[in-house]
Structure formats: structure tokens, C-alpha cells
């Protein structure tokens, strides 16, 4: 296969000298328009699927971000204190044990 020669400016010289003006114009139009028609047809025919995939990917990223933040932050001191109040209300631990645990958490 022989490649078209390059000029000093870097332009490719295609052998179009034997094609008349109308055919040359249609050839250039086909080179430019046909790929765009293919892209447009893909978007029209597959656009709904792209939207669904993008929505699903966004939901997965949001869930991963939420899980990561929860892992990094962990539970707060207020959450830990709330967990201690419930056993005290049920009589499982005494007020003194609650105060000792509170001092350890805050301390």
C-alpha cells in the first residue's frame, strides 16, 4: 500500500485531480457528514440506554461515597452516648456505670 505524499505544511495530498468539482464536493461532504450521521443515529437509537447507564453509575458512585464517608467518620460521641442511655433506661447498667462510660467517651 502506498501512502499519499505529505507536503511541507503537513497536509496530505490526495489524488483527486481526476475527479470533477461535483464529485469532489460530494466526496468531501461524505467524509465529513457520514460519520456525523452515524454518531447522531447512535445517540437517537441508544440515547435511553446511555441515560440509564449514567444514572446507575451515578447512584453507584454516590453509594460508594456514602459508605466511604461512614467508614472514615465512624460513629460520633453523641451516637455512643445514646447507645449507653438505652441500657440504663432498661436497667441493664446503673447510673454510676453510665457516668463512668460517659467520662471515658468525653474524656
PDB file of N, CA and C in Angstrom:
ATOM      1  N   UNK A   1       0.857  -1.176   0.000  1.00  0.00           N
ATOM      2  CA  UNK A   1       0.000   0.000   0.000  1.00  0.00           C
ATOM      3  C   UNK A   1       0.898   1.232   0.000  1.00  0.00           C
ATOM      4  N   UNK A   2       0.589   2.151  -0.863  1.00  0.00           N
ATOM      5  CA  UNK A   2       1.391   3.354  -0.986  1.00  0.00           C
ATOM      6  C   UNK A   2       0.646   4.513  -0.318  1.00  0.00           C
ATOM      7  N   UNK A   3       1.317   5.192   0.606  1.00  0.00           N
ATOM      8  CA  UNK A   3       0.703   6.298   1.323  1.00  0.00           C
ATOM      9  C   UNK A   3       0.739   7.562   0.477  1.00  0.00           C
ATOM     10  N   UNK A   4      -0.282   8.435   0.627  1.00  0.00           N
ATOM     11  CA  UNK A   4      -0.269   9.699  -0.119  1.00  0.00           C
ATOM     12  C   UNK A   4       0.893  10.576   0.353  1.00  0.00           C
ATOM     13  N   UNK A   5       1.498  11.314  -0.547  1.00  0.00           N
ATOM     14  CA  UNK A   5       2.638  12.147  -0.152  1.00  0.00           C
ATOM     15  C   UNK A   5       2.224  13.300   0.748  1.00  0.00           C
ATOM     16  N   UNK A   6       3.104  13.677   1.661  1.00  0.00           N
ATOM     17  CA  UNK A   6       2.874  14.805   2.556  1.00  0.00           C
ATOM     18  C   UNK A   6       3.598  16.025   2.008  1.00  0.00           C
ATOM     19  N   UNK A   7       2.979  17.184   2.129  1.00  0.00           N
ATOM     20  CA  UNK A   7       3.653  18.414   1.730  1.00  0.00           C
ATOM     21  C   UNK A   7       4.457  18.943   2.912  1.00  0.00           C
ATOM     22  N   UNK A   8       5.184  20.014   2.704  1.00  0.00           N
ATOM     23  CA  UNK A   8       5.976  20.605   3.780  1.00  0.00           C
ATOM     24  C   UNK A   8       5.090  21.150   4.895  1.00  0.00           C
ATOM     25  N   UNK A   9       3.852  21.506   4.580  1.00  0.00           N
ATOM     26  CA  UNK A   9       2.959  22.042   5.606  1.00  0.00           C
ATOM     27  C   UNK A   9       2.276  20.937   6.401  1.00  0.00           C
ATOM     28  N   UNK A  10       2.491  19.692   6.015  1.00  0.00           N
ATOM     29  CA  UNK A  10       1.881  18.590   6.748  1.00  0.00           C
ATOM     30  C   UNK A  10       0.553  18.161   6.185  1.00  0.00           C
ATOM     31  N   UNK A  11       0.072  18.799   5.111  1.00  0.00           N
ATOM     32  CA  UNK A  11      -1.204  18.418   4.507  1.00  0.00           C
ATOM     33  C   UNK A  11      -1.015  17.163   3.668  1.00  0.00           C
ATOM     34  N   UNK A  12      -2.029  16.339   3.663  1.00  0.00           N
ATOM     35  CA  UNK A  12      -1.972  15.128   2.832  1.00  0.00           C
ATOM     36  C   UNK A  12      -2.514  15.486   1.456  1.00  0.00           C
ATOM     37  N   UNK A  13      -1.781  15.159   0.411  1.00  0.00           N
ATOM     38  CA  UNK A  13      -2.232  15.398  -0.964  1.00  0.00           C
ATOM     39  C   UNK A  13      -2.908  14.139  -1.475  1.00  0.00           C
ATOM     40  N   UNK A  14      -4.224  14.184  -1.560  1.00  0.00           N
ATOM     41  CA  UNK A  14      -4.957  13.035  -2.052  1.00  0.00           C
ATOM     42  C   UNK A  14      -5.086  13.161  -3.564  1.00  0.00           C
ATOM     43  N   UNK A  15      -5.045  12.057  -4.278  1.00  0.00           N
ATOM     44  CA  UNK A  15      -5.108  12.112  -5.740  1.00  0.00           C
ATOM     45  C   UNK A  15      -6.531  12.374  -6.243  1.00  0.00           C
ATOM     46  N   UNK A  16      -6.982  13.605  -6.123  1.00  0.00           N
ATOM     47  CA  UNK A  16      -8.338  13.978  -6.542  1.00  0.00           C
ATOM     48  C   UNK A  16      -8.346  14.767  -7.842  1.00  0.00           C
ATOM     49  N   UNK A  17      -7.212  14.878  -8.533  1.00  0.00           N
ATOM     50  CA  UNK A  17      -7.164  15.727  -9.714  1.00  0.00           C
ATOM     51  C   UNK A  17      -7.975  15.155 -10.869  1.00  0.00           C
ATOM     52  N   UNK A  18      -8.271  13.865 -10.820  1.00  0.00           N
ATOM     53  CA  UNK A  18      -9.034  13.261 -11.911  1.00  0.00           C
ATOM     54  C   UNK A  18     -10.535  13.279 -11.639  1.00  0.00           C
ATOM     55  N   UNK A  19     -10.957  13.829 -10.494  1.00  0.00           N
ATOM     56  CA  UNK A  19     -12.382  13.905 -10.154  1.00  0.00           C
ATOM     57  C   UNK A  19     -12.859  15.322 -10.420  1.00  0.00           C
ATOM     58  N   UNK A  20     -14.065  15.439 -11.045  1.00  0.00           N
ATOM     59  CA  UNK A  20     -14.580  16.779 -11.333  1.00  0.00           C
ATOM     60  C   UNK A  20     -15.105  17.448 -10.070  1.00  0.00           C
ATOM     61  N   UNK A  21     -15.500  18.697 -10.140  1.00  0.00           N
ATOM     62  CA  UNK A  21     -15.878  19.513  -8.981  1.00  0.00           C
ATOM     63  C   UNK A  21     -17.024  18.953  -8.173  1.00  0.00           C
ATOM     64  N   UNK A  22     -18.102  18.507  -8.834  1.00  0.00           N
ATOM     65  CA  UNK A  22     -19.267  17.992  -8.110  1.00  0.00           C
ATOM     66  C   UNK A  22     -18.904  16.713  -7.350  1.00  0.00           C
ATOM     67  N   UNK A  23     -18.225  15.813  -7.996  1.00  0.00           N
ATOM     68  CA  UNK A  23     -17.844  14.565  -7.332  1.00  0.00           C
ATOM     69  C   UNK A  23     -16.887  14.840  -6.186  1.00  0.00           C
ATOM     70  N   UNK A  24     -15.965  15.776  -6.393  1.00  0.00           N
ATOM     71  CA  UNK A  24     -15.029  16.141  -5.327  1.00  0.00           C
ATOM     72  C   UNK A  24     -15.785  16.725  -4.128  1.00  0.00           C
ATOM     73  N   UNK A  25     -16.748  17.599  -4.386  1.00  0.00           N
ATOM     74  CA  UNK A  25     -17.559  18.181  -3.313  1.00  0.00           C
ATOM     75  C   UNK A  25     -18.360  17.129  -2.579  1.00  0.00           C
ATOM     76  N   UNK A  26     -18.956  16.190  -3.324  1.00  0.00           N
ATOM     77  CA  UNK A  26     -19.720  15.122  -2.686  1.00  0.00           C
ATOM     78  C   UNK A  26     -18.807  14.208  -1.868  1.00  0.00           C
ATOM     79  N   UNK A  27     -17.601  13.956  -2.384  1.00  0.00           N
ATOM     80  CA  UNK A  27     -16.644  13.124  -1.661  1.00  0.00           C
ATOM     81  C   UNK A  27     -16.267  13.763  -0.324  1.00  0.00           C
ATOM     82  N   UNK A  28     -15.951  15.048  -0.361  1.00  0.00           N
ATOM     83  CA  UNK A  28     -15.590  15.764   0.858  1.00  0.00           C
ATOM     84  C   UNK A  28     -16.779  15.831   1.806  1.00  0.00           C
ATOM     85  N   UNK A  29     -17.968  16.093   1.271  1.00  0.00           N
ATOM     86  CA  UNK A  29     -19.175  16.133   2.098  1.00  0.00           C
ATOM     87  C   UNK A  29     -19.406  14.773   2.756  1.00  0.00           C
ATOM     88  N   UNK A  30     -19.198  13.695   2.005  1.00  0.00           N
ATOM     89  CA  UNK A  30     -19.373  12.349   2.557  1.00  0.00           C
ATOM     90  C   UNK A  30     -18.373  12.045   3.657  1.00  0.00           C
ATOM     91  N   UNK A  31     -17.145  12.521   3.482  1.00  0.00           N
ATOM     92  CA  UNK A  31     -16.122  12.303   4.502  1.00  0.00           C
ATOM     93  C   UNK A  31     -16.507  13.013   5.797  1.00  0.00           C
ATOM     94  N   UNK A  32     -17.138  14.177   5.699  1.00  0.00           N
ATOM     95  CA  UNK A  32     -17.478  14.971   6.873  1.00  0.00           C
ATOM     96  C   UNK A  32     -18.843  14.594   7.433  1.00  0.00           C
ATOM     97  N   UNK A  33     -19.843  14.402   6.583  1.00  0.00           N
ATOM     98  CA  UNK A  33     -21.223  14.236   7.049  1.00  0.00           C
ATOM     99  C   UNK A  33     -21.527  12.800   7.477  1.00  0.00           C
ATOM    100  N   UNK A  34     -21.054  11.826   6.755  1.00  0.00           N
ATOM    101  CA  UNK A  34     -21.419  10.431   7.057  1.00  0.00           C
ATOM    102  C   UNK A  34     -21.015  10.022   8.480  1.00  0.00           C
ATOM    103  N   UNK A  35     -19.815  10.330   8.939  1.00  0.00           N
ATOM    104  CA  UNK A  35     -19.501   9.974  10.335  1.00  0.00           C
ATOM    105  C   UNK A  35     -20.430  10.656  11.338  1.00  0.00           C
ATOM    106  N   UNK A  36     -20.776  11.899  11.071  1.00  0.00           N
ATOM    107  CA  UNK A  36     -21.681  12.607  11.990  1.00  0.00           C
ATOM    108  C   UNK A  36     -23.068  11.987  11.973  1.00  0.00           C
ATOM    109  N   UNK A  37     -23.515  11.513  10.821  1.00  0.00           N
ATOM    110  CA  UNK A  37     -24.812  10.845  10.764  1.00  0.00           C
ATOM    111  C   UNK A  37     -24.788   9.555  11.583  1.00  0.00           C
ATOM    112  N   UNK A  38     -23.667   8.847  11.534  1.00  0.00           N
ATOM    113  CA  UNK A  38     -23.536   7.633  12.344  1.00  0.00           C
ATOM    114  C   UNK A  38     -23.593   7.935  13.825  1.00  0.00           C
ATOM    115  N   UNK A  39     -22.915   8.975  14.242  1.00  0.00           N
ATOM    116  CA  UNK A  39     -22.929   9.373  15.658  1.00  0.00           C
ATOM    117  C   UNK A  39     -24.333   9.802  16.072  1.00  0.00           C
ATOM    118  N   UNK A  40     -24.983  10.596  15.223  1.00  0.00           N
ATOM    119  CA  UNK A  40     -26.344  11.056  15.522  1.00  0.00           C
ATOM    120  C   UNK A  40     -27.302   9.876  15.617  1.00  0.00           C
ATOM    121  N   UNK A  41     -27.188   8.924  14.680  1.00  0.00           N
ATOM    122  CA  UNK A  41     -28.060   7.745  14.727  1.00  0.00           C
ATOM    123  C   UNK A  41     -27.826   6.955  16.013  1.00  0.00           C
ATOM    124  N   UNK A  42     -26.576   6.836  16.436  1.00  0.00           N
ATOM    125  CA  UNK A  42     -26.284   6.121  17.685  1.00  0.00           C
ATOM    126  C   UNK A  42     -26.951   6.816  18.867  1.00  0.00           C
ATOM    127  N   UNK A  43     -26.836   8.130  18.922  1.00  0.00           N
ATOM    128  CA  UNK A  43     -27.453   8.857  20.034  1.00  0.00           C
ATOM    129  C   UNK A  43     -28.964   8.714  20.026  1.00  0.00           C
ATOM    130  N   UNK A  44     -29.580   8.760  18.849  1.00  0.00           N
ATOM    131  CA  UNK A  44     -31.033   8.652  18.769  1.00  0.00           C
ATOM    132  C   UNK A  44     -31.488   7.251  19.155  1.00  0.00           C
ATOM    133  N   UNK A  45     -30.795   6.244  18.638  1.00  0.00           N
ATOM    134  CA  UNK A  45     -31.230   4.868  18.874  1.00  0.00           C
ATOM    135  C   UNK A  45     -30.835   4.343  20.250  1.00  0.00           C
ATOM    136  N   UNK A  46     -29.726   4.794  20.794  1.00  0.00           N
ATOM    137  CA  UNK A  46     -29.224   4.258  22.049  1.00  0.00           C
ATOM    138  C   UNK A  46     -29.221   5.280  23.178  1.00  0.00           C
ATOM    139  N   UNK A  47     -29.810   6.437  22.978  1.00  0.00           N
ATOM    140  CA  UNK A  47     -29.775   7.503  23.974  1.00  0.00           C
ATOM    141  C   UNK A  47     -30.396   7.125  25.302  1.00  0.00           C
ATOM    142  N   UNK A  48     -31.519   6.392  25.263  1.00  0.00           N
ATOM    143  CA  UNK A  48     -32.180   5.994  26.514  1.00  0.00           C
ATOM    144  C   UNK A  48     -31.282   5.087  27.341  1.00  0.00           C
ATOM    145  N   UNK A  49     -30.619   4.167  26.683  1.00  0.00           N
ATOM    146  CA  UNK A  49     -29.712   3.266  27.399  1.00  0.00           C
ATOM    147  C   UNK A  49     -28.554   4.013  28.034  1.00  0.00           C
ATOM    148  N   UNK A  50     -28.043   5.037  27.328  1.00  0.00           N
ATOM    149  CA  UNK A  50     -26.942   5.828  27.894  1.00  0.00           C
ATOM    150  C   UNK A  50     -27.402   6.557  29.141  1.00  0.00           C
ATOM    151  N   UNK A  51     -28.620   7.089  29.112  1.00  0.00           N
ATOM    152  CA  UNK A  51     -29.153   7.797  30.272  1.00  0.00           C
ATOM    153  C   UNK A  51     -29.291   6.850  31.460  1.00  0.00           C
ATOM    154  N   UNK A  52     -29.814   5.659  31.197  1.00  0.00           N
ATOM    155  CA  UNK A  52     -29.977   4.692  32.278  1.00  0.00           C
ATOM    156  C   UNK A  52     -28.628   4.266  32.857  1.00  0.00           C
ATOM    157  N   UNK A  53     -27.647   4.026  31.980  1.00  0.00           N
ATOM    158  CA  UNK A  53     -26.324   3.631  32.466  1.00  0.00           C
ATOM    159  C   UNK A  53     -25.667   4.754  33.256  1.00  0.00           C
ATOM    160  N   UNK A  54     -25.814   5.986  32.789  1.00  0.00           N
ATOM    161  CA  UNK A  54     -25.236   7.114  33.521  1.00  0.00           C
ATOM    162  C   UNK A  54     -25.903   7.290  34.881  1.00  0.00           C
ATOM    163  N   UNK A  55     -27.223   7.130  34.926  1.00  0.00           N
ATOM    164  CA  UNK A  55     -27.952   7.254  36.192  1.00  0.00           C
ATOM    165  C   UNK A  55     -27.515   6.154  37.168  1.00  0.00           C
ATOM    166  N   UNK A  56     -27.375   4.932  36.659  1.00  0.00           N
ATOM    167  CA  UNK A  56     -26.947   3.831  37.514  1.00  0.00           C
ATOM    168  C   UNK A  56     -25.514   4.050  38.005  1.00  0.00           C
ATOM    169  N   UNK A  57     -24.641   4.508  37.126  1.00  0.00           N
ATOM    170  CA  UNK A  57     -23.252   4.762  37.529  1.00  0.00           C
ATOM    171  C   UNK A  57     -23.191   5.857  38.584  1.00  0.00           C
ATOM    172  N   UNK A  58     -23.993   6.896  38.429  1.00  0.00           N
ATOM    173  CA  UNK A  58     -24.032   7.977  39.405  1.00  0.00           C
ATOM    174  C   UNK A  58     -24.516   7.469  40.758  1.00  0.00           C
ATOM    175  N   UNK A  59     -25.544   6.612  40.752  1.00  0.00           N
ATOM    176  CA  UNK A  59     -26.056   6.056  42.012  1.00  0.00           C
ATOM    177  C   UNK A  59     -24.992   5.195  42.685  1.00  0.00           C
ATOM    178  N   UNK A  60     -24.233   4.427  41.896  1.00  0.00           N
ATOM    179  CA  UNK A  60     -23.178   3.597  42.472  1.00  0.00           C
ATOM    180  C   UNK A  60     -22.071   4.443  43.082  1.00  0.00           C
ATOM    181  N   UNK A  61     -21.720   5.531  42.412  1.00  0.00           N
ATOM    182  CA  UNK A  61     -20.685   6.423  42.940  1.00  0.00           C
ATOM    183  C   UNK A  61     -21.156   7.080  44.233  1.00  0.00           C
ATOM    184  N   UNK A  62     -22.398   7.523  44.264  1.00  0.00           N
ATOM    185  CA  UNK A  62     -22.942   8.145  45.475  1.00  0.00           C
ATOM    186  C   UNK A  62     -22.964   7.157  46.637  1.00  0.00           C
ATOM    187  N   UNK A  63     -23.344   5.915  46.367  1.00  0.00           N
ATOM    188  CA  UNK A  63     -23.373   4.901  47.426  1.00  0.00           C
ATOM    189  C   UNK A  63     -21.962   4.610  47.935  1.00  0.00           C
ATOM    190  N   UNK A  64     -21.004   4.497  47.010  1.00  0.00           N
ATOM    191  CA  UNK A  64     -19.623   4.253  47.417  1.00  0.00           C
ATOM    192  C   UNK A  64     -19.088   5.423  48.240  1.00  0.00           C
ATOM    193  N   UNK A  65     -19.450   6.640  47.854  1.00  0.00           N
ATOM    194  CA  UNK A  65     -19.014   7.819  48.600  1.00  0.00           C
ATOM    195  C   UNK A  65     -19.624   7.820  50.001  1.00  0.00           C
ATOM    196  N   UNK A  66     -20.899   7.469  50.096  1.00  0.00           N
ATOM    197  CA  UNK A  66     -21.567   7.435  51.395  1.00  0.00           C
ATOM    198  C   UNK A  66     -20.930   6.393  52.304  1.00  0.00           C
ATOM    199  N   UNK A  67     -20.637   5.204  51.758  1.00  0.00           N
ATOM    200  CA  UNK A  67     -20.009   4.141  52.544  1.00  0.00           C
ATOM    201  C   UNK A  67     -18.614   4.563  52.992  1.00  0.00           C
ATOM    202  N   UNK A  68     -17.858   5.184  52.097  1.00  0.00           N
ATOM    203  CA  UNK A  68     -16.504   5.628  52.443  1.00  0.00           C
ATOM    204  C   UNK A  68     -16.538   6.665  53.558  1.00  0.00           C
ATOM    205  N   UNK A  69     -17.431   7.630  53.442  1.00  0.00           N
ATOM    206  CA  UNK A  69     -17.535   8.672  54.474  1.00  0.00           C
ATOM    207  C   UNK A  69     -17.928   8.055  55.808  1.00  0.00           C
ATOM    208  N   UNK A  70     -18.860   7.097  55.780  1.00  0.00           N
ATOM    209  CA  UNK A  70     -19.285   6.449  57.021  1.00  0.00           C
ATOM    210  C   UNK A  70     -18.136   5.677  57.651  1.00  0.00           C
ATOM    211  N   UNK A  71     -17.308   5.026  56.805  1.00  0.00           N
ATOM    212  CA  UNK A  71     -16.165   4.284  57.338  1.00  0.00           C
ATOM    213  C   UNK A  71     -15.126   5.213  57.941  1.00  0.00           C
ATOM    214  N   UNK A  72     -14.892   6.343  57.302  1.00  0.00           N
ATOM    215  CA  UNK A  72     -13.875   7.274  57.779  1.00  0.00           C
ATOM    216  C   UNK A  72     -14.337   7.972  59.045  1.00  0.00           C
ATOM    217  N   UNK A  73     -15.571   8.426  59.043  1.00  0.00           N
ATOM    218  CA  UNK A  73     -16.082   9.191  60.177  1.00  0.00           C
ATOM    219  C   UNK A  73     -16.397   8.276  61.349  1.00  0.00           C
ATOM    220  N   UNK A  74     -16.949   7.109  61.051  1.00  0.00           N
ATOM    221  CA  UNK A  74     -17.336   6.192  62.125  1.00  0.00           C
ATOM    222  C   UNK A  74     -18.564   6.714  62.834  1.00  0.00           C
ATOM    223  N   UNK A  75     -18.658   6.392  64.124  1.00  0.00           N
ATOM    224  CA  UNK A  75     -19.798   6.878  64.902  1.00  0.00           C
ATOM    225  C   UNK A  75     -19.346   8.062  65.752  1.00  0.00           C
ATOM    226  N   UNK A  76     -20.262   8.942  65.998  1.00  0.00           N
ATOM    227  CA  UNK A  76     -19.925  10.124  66.784  1.00  0.00           C
ATOM    228  C   UNK A  76     -20.065   9.824  68.278  1.00  0.00           C
ATOM    229  N   UNK A  77     -19.563  10.729  69.073  1.00  0.00           N
ATOM    230  CA  UNK A  77     -19.666  10.586  70.533  1.00  0.00           C
ATOM    231  C   UNK A  77     -21.121  10.622  70.963  1.00  0.00           C
ATOM    232  N   UNK A  78     -21.909  11.451  70.280  1.00  0.00           N
ATOM    233  CA  UNK A  78     -23.333  11.524  70.619  1.00  0.00           C
ATOM    234  C   UNK A  78     -24.022  10.187  70.358  1.00  0.00           C
ATOM    235  N   UNK A  79     -23.642   9.511  69.274  1.00  0.00           N
ATOM    236  CA  UNK A  79     -24.218   8.191  68.997  1.00  0.00           C
ATOM    237  C   UNK A  79     -23.846   7.191  70.091  1.00  0.00           C
ATOM    238  N   UNK A  80     -22.592   7.233  70.517  1.00  0.00           N
ATOM    239  CA  UNK A  80     -22.143   6.327  71.564  1.00  0.00           C
ATOM    240  C   UNK A  80     -22.877   6.591  72.884  1.00  0.00           C
ATOM    241  N   UNK A  81     -23.073   7.871  73.195  1.00  0.00           N
ATOM    242  CA  UNK A  81     -23.810   8.201  74.424  1.00  0.00           C
ATOM    243  C   UNK A  81     -25.256   7.738  74.345  1.00  0.00           C
ATOM    244  N   UNK A  82     -25.865   7.905  73.172  1.00  0.00           N
ATOM    245  CA  UNK A  82     -27.251   7.460  73.003  1.00  0.00           C
ATOM    246  C   UNK A  82     -27.358   5.952  73.176  1.00  0.00           C
ATOM    247  N   UNK A  83     -26.330   5.209  72.713  1.00  0.00           N
ATOM    248  CA  UNK A  83     -26.329   3.757  72.883  1.00  0.00           C
ATOM    249  C   UNK A  83     -26.195   3.366  74.358  1.00  0.00           C
ATOM    250  N   UNK A  84     -25.552   4.213  75.158  1.00  0.00           N
ATOM    251  CA  UNK A  84     -25.400   3.901  76.583  1.00  0.00           C
ATOM    252  C   UNK A  84     -26.656   4.230  77.383  1.00  0.00           C
ATOM    253  N   UNK A  85     -27.422   5.199  76.941  1.00  0.00           N
ATOM    254  CA  UNK A  85     -28.623   5.611  77.689  1.00  0.00           C
ATOM    255  C   UNK A  85     -29.684   4.524  77.629  1.00  0.00           C
ATOM    256  N   UNK A  86     -29.803   3.855  76.513  1.00  0.00           N
ATOM    257  CA  UNK A  86     -30.828   2.813  76.367  1.00  0.00           C
ATOM    258  C   UNK A  86     -30.652   1.672  77.369  1.00  0.00           C
ATOM    259  N   UNK A  87     -29.429   1.118  77.550  1.00  0.00           N
ATOM    260  CA  UNK A  87     -29.278   0.054  78.573  1.00  0.00           C
ATOM    261  C   UNK A  87     -29.546   0.568  79.986  1.00  0.00           C
ATOM    262  N   UNK A  88     -29.239   1.858  80.227  1.00  0.00           N
ATOM    263  CA  UNK A  88     -29.518   2.400  81.558  1.00  0.00           C
ATOM    264  C   UNK A  88     -31.016   2.491  81.779  1.00  0.00           C
ATOM    265  N   UNK A  89     -31.756   2.901  80.733  1.00  0.00           N
ATOM    266  CA  UNK A  89     -33.212   3.002  80.869  1.00  0.00           C
ATOM    267  C   UNK A  89     -33.850   1.631  81.083  1.00  0.00           C
ATOM    268  N   UNK A  90     -33.243   0.603  80.529  1.00  0.00           N
ATOM    269  CA  UNK A  90     -33.772  -0.760  80.698  1.00  0.00           C
ATOM    270  C   UNK A  90     -33.293  -1.398  81.999  1.00  0.00           C
ATOM    271  N   UNK A  91     -32.389  -0.728  82.729  1.00  0.00           N
ATOM    272  CA  UNK A  91     -31.902  -1.247  83.997  1.00  0.00           C
ATOM    273  C   UNK A  91     -30.740  -2.213  83.844  1.00  0.00           C
ATOM    274  N   UNK A  92     -30.130  -2.273  82.674  1.00  0.00           N
ATOM    275  CA  UNK A  92     -29.011  -3.190  82.454  1.00  0.00           C
ATOM    276  C   UNK A  92     -27.741  -2.644  83.112  1.00  0.00           C
ATOM    277  N   UNK A  93     -27.536  -1.320  83.028  1.00  0.00           N
ATOM    278  CA  UNK A  93     -26.387  -0.707  83.706  1.00  0.00           C
ATOM    279  C   UNK A  93     -26.909   0.343  84.666  1.00  0.00           C
ATOM    280  N   UNK A  94     -26.108   0.675  85.643  1.00  0.00           N
ATOM    281  CA  UNK A  94     -26.507   1.652  86.653  1.00  0.00           C
ATOM    282  C   UNK A  94     -26.096   3.050  86.194  1.00  0.00           C
ATOM    283  N   UNK A  95     -26.590   4.064  86.951  1.00  0.00           N
ATOM    284  CA  UNK A  95     -26.224   5.443  86.645  1.00  0.00           C
ATOM    285  C   UNK A  95     -24.725   5.666  86.814  1.00  0.00           C
ATOM    286  N   UNK A  96     -24.138   5.008  87.787  1.00  0.00           N
ATOM    287  CA  UNK A  96     -22.696   5.166  88.022  1.00  0.00           C
ATOM    288  C   UNK A  96     -21.898   4.597  86.841  1.00  0.00           C
ATOM    289  N   UNK A  97     -22.339   3.449  86.324  1.00  0.00           N
ATOM    290  CA  UNK A  97     -21.656   2.876  85.161  1.00  0.00           C
ATOM    291  C   UNK A  97     -21.826   3.769  83.925  1.00  0.00           C
ATOM    292  N   UNK A  98     -23.012   4.361  83.772  1.00  0.00           N
ATOM    293  CA  UNK A  98     -23.257   5.279  82.657  1.00  0.00           C
ATOM    294  C   UNK A  98     -22.332   6.484  82.753  1.00  0.00           C
ATOM    295  N   UNK A  99     -22.204   7.053  83.959  1.00  0.00           N
ATOM    296  CA  UNK A  99     -21.337   8.222  84.149  1.00  0.00           C
ATOM    297  C   UNK A  99     -19.874   7.863  83.892  1.00  0.00           C
ATOM    298  N   UNK A 100     -19.468   6.665  84.283  1.00  0.00           N
ATOM    299  CA  UNK A 100     -18.086   6.231  84.054  1.00  0.00           C
ATOM    300  C   UNK A 100     -17.820   6.096  82.553  1.00  0.00           C
ATOM    301  N   UNK A 101     -18.760   5.495  81.854  1.00  0.00           N
ATOM    302  CA  UNK A 101     -18.615   5.348  80.400  1.00  0.00           C
ATOM    303  C   UNK A 101     -18.648   6.706  79.689  1.00  0.00           C
ATOM    304  N   UNK A 102     -19.516   7.597  80.195  1.00  0.00           N
ATOM    305  CA  UNK A 102     -19.601   8.959  79.614  1.00  0.00           C
ATOM    306  C   UNK A 102     -18.292   9.701  79.800  1.00  0.00           C
ATOM    307  N   UNK A 103     -17.710   9.593  80.990  1.00  0.00           N
ATOM    308  CA  UNK A 103     -16.432  10.259  81.256  1.00  0.00           C
ATOM    309  C   UNK A 103     -15.343   9.682  80.352  1.00  0.00           C
ATOM    310  N   UNK A 104     -15.377   8.372  80.122  1.00  0.00           N
ATOM    311  CA  UNK A 104     -14.380   7.752  79.261  1.00  0.00           C
ATOM    312  C   UNK A 104     -14.552   8.238  77.795  1.00  0.00           C
ATOM    313  N   UNK A 105     -15.796   8.370  77.360  1.00  0.00           N
ATOM    314  CA  UNK A 105     -16.043   8.830  75.979  1.00  0.00           C
ATOM    315  C   UNK A 105     -15.673  10.296  75.813  1.00  0.00           C
ATOM    316  N   UNK A 106     -16.008  11.119  76.785  1.00  0.00           N
ATOM    317  CA  UNK A 106     -15.766  12.549  76.670  1.00  0.00           C
ATOM    318  C   UNK A 106     -14.348  12.933  77.076  1.00  0.00           C
ATOM    319  N   UNK A 107     -13.706  12.039  77.743  1.00  0.00           N
ATOM    320  CA  UNK A 107     -12.506  12.344  78.389  1.00  0.00           C
ATOM    321  C   UNK A 107     -11.193  12.372  77.862  1.00  0.00           C
TER     322      UNK A 107
END
